[in-house]
Amino acid sequence: MPEPEALLPLTPAVFHLLLALADEDRHGYAIAQEVARRTDGEVRLGPGTLYGTLTRMVEAALIEEHTRAGARSSPADERRRYYRLTPFGRDVAKAEARRLQRLVSIARAKALLVPKR
């Protein structure tokens, strides 16, 4: 497995998907809804971008696919593919967050961002 930093910088779509999966497993449509909700509708992932990116992320071992089974699952849940972060995916998301945090610090130091009052 490569070092997480070797995958940086992430595309915005990949980082948004990692963030959407950081707190719980979700199926594709729920991931798209979470991204749209969290960005106040500024980022909307169409099916091609969403599922193509998810496929590449599975191949890169950032996330893994599973089906939901158990007492709380419905027949629809059993047909859906759910995704979860892998430990490597979480490390990559943390590395990207640190990278972006450093960039924001530089922008603040250059007076490009001023705190809201």
Protein backbone atom coordinates (compact mmCIF):
# COMPACT_ATOMS: atom_id res chain seq x y z
CA MET A 1 0.00 0.00 0.00
CA PRO A 2 1.44 3.43 -0.91
CA GLU A 3 1.82 6.22 1.62
CA PRO A 4 -1.43 8.25 1.85
CA GLU A 5 0.39 11.40 0.73
CA ALA A 6 1.31 9.68 -2.56
CA LEU A 7 -2.35 9.99 -3.66
CA LEU A 8 -2.52 13.75 -3.03
CA PRO A 9 -3.92 16.06 -4.15
CA LEU A 10 -7.29 14.39 -4.38
CA THR A 11 -9.89 15.48 -6.86
CA PRO A 12 -12.77 17.38 -5.26
CA ALA A 13 -15.14 14.49 -6.06
CA VAL A 14 -12.94 11.92 -4.29
CA PHE A 15 -12.52 14.12 -1.23
CA HIS A 16 -16.26 14.82 -1.03
CA LEU A 17 -17.00 11.08 -1.23
CA LEU A 18 -14.45 10.30 1.49
CA LEU A 19 -16.02 12.97 3.69
CA ALA A 20 -19.50 11.58 3.06
CA LEU A 21 -18.34 8.16 4.22
CA ALA A 22 -16.29 9.37 7.20
CA ASP A 23 -19.12 9.03 9.70
CA GLU A 24 -21.21 6.17 8.31
CA ASP A 25 -21.63 3.65 5.51
CA ARG A 26 -23.88 4.86 2.72
CA HIS A 27 -25.26 3.70 -0.61
CA GLY A 28 -24.59 5.73 -3.74
CA TYR A 29 -27.72 7.86 -3.72
CA ALA A 30 -27.28 8.66 -0.01
CA ILE A 31 -23.68 9.69 -0.69
CA ALA A 32 -24.83 12.11 -3.41
CA GLN A 33 -27.51 13.52 -1.08
CA GLU A 34 -24.98 13.99 1.74
CA VAL A 35 -22.55 15.83 -0.53
CA ALA A 36 -25.32 18.12 -1.84
CA ARG A 37 -26.64 18.74 1.70
CA ARG A 38 -23.21 19.44 3.18
CA THR A 39 -22.32 21.87 0.36
CA ASP A 40 -25.72 23.60 0.35
CA GLY A 41 -26.28 22.29 -3.17
CA GLU A 42 -23.06 23.77 -4.58
CA VAL A 43 -21.70 20.32 -5.38
CA ARG A 44 -23.97 17.86 -7.12
CA LEU A 45 -22.57 14.57 -8.30
CA GLY A 46 -24.30 13.09 -11.31
CA PRO A 47 -24.58 9.30 -11.62
CA GLY A 48 -21.66 9.01 -14.05
CA THR A 49 -19.28 10.97 -11.84
CA LEU A 50 -20.56 9.34 -8.65
CA TYR A 51 -20.42 5.69 -9.69
CA GLY A 52 -17.30 6.06 -11.83
CA THR A 53 -15.49 7.68 -8.91
CA LEU A 54 -16.77 5.05 -6.46
CA THR A 55 -15.47 2.29 -8.74
CA ARG A 56 -12.02 3.88 -8.94
CA MET A 57 -11.99 4.40 -5.17
CA VAL A 58 -12.78 0.71 -4.58
CA GLU A 59 -9.96 -0.24 -6.97
CA ALA A 60 -7.58 2.07 -5.05
CA ALA A 61 -8.64 0.47 -1.71
CA LEU A 62 -9.92 3.80 -0.37
CA ILE A 63 -13.39 2.36 0.18
CA GLU A 64 -14.99 -1.05 0.12
CA GLU A 65 -18.34 -2.19 -1.14
CA HIS A 66 -20.79 -4.30 0.86
CA THR A 67 -24.45 -5.10 1.13
CA ARG A 68 -26.41 -4.28 4.24
CA ALA A 69 -27.80 -7.28 6.01
CA GLY A 70 -29.43 -7.69 9.37
CA ALA A 71 -32.58 -7.07 11.35
CA ARG A 72 -32.85 -3.40 10.39
CA SER A 73 -32.31 -3.87 6.67
CA SER A 74 -35.15 -3.77 4.17
CA PRO A 75 -35.44 -5.64 0.85
CA ALA A 76 -34.30 -2.43 -0.88
CA ASP A 77 -31.24 -2.33 1.40
CA GLU A 78 -30.33 -5.86 0.40
CA ARG A 79 -30.21 -4.83 -3.29
CA ARG A 80 -28.23 -1.64 -2.71
CA ARG A 81 -24.47 -1.53 -2.67
CA TYR A 82 -23.15 0.24 0.39
CA TYR A 83 -19.71 1.76 0.71
CA ARG A 84 -17.45 2.26 3.71
CA LEU A 85 -14.06 3.83 4.25
CA THR A 86 -11.12 1.50 4.59
CA PRO A 87 -8.44 2.37 7.15
CA PHE A 88 -6.25 3.42 4.21
CA GLY A 89 -9.06 5.62 2.86
CA ARG A 90 -9.41 7.32 6.26
CA ASP A 91 -5.65 7.96 6.32
CA VAL A 92 -5.80 9.46 2.81
CA ALA A 93 -8.75 11.70 3.82
CA LYS A 94 -6.81 12.89 6.88
CA ALA A 95 -3.73 13.61 4.77
CA GLU A 96 -5.80 15.63 2.29
CA ALA A 97 -7.48 17.56 5.12
CA ARG A 98 -4.05 18.45 6.53
CA ARG A 99 -2.86 19.52 3.07
CA LEU A 100 -5.89 21.76 2.60
CA GLN A 101 -5.51 23.16 6.12
CA ARG A 102 -1.93 24.22 5.29
CA LEU A 103 -3.17 25.94 2.10
CA VAL A 104 -5.86 27.81 4.02
CA SER A 105 -3.24 28.90 6.58
CA ILE A 106 -1.13 30.32 3.77
CA ALA A 107 -4.15 32.14 2.30
CA ARG A 108 -4.90 33.66 5.71
CA ALA A 109 -1.29 34.75 6.15
CA LYS A 110 -1.52 36.47 2.75
CA ALA A 111 -4.71 38.25 3.91
CA LEU A 112 -6.75 36.44 1.27
CA LEU A 113 -9.11 35.13 3.94
CA VAL A 114 -10.27 37.24 6.80
CA PRO A 115 -12.24 35.87 9.76
CA LYS A 116 -15.99 36.45 9.63
CA ARG A 117 -17.30 38.95 12.14
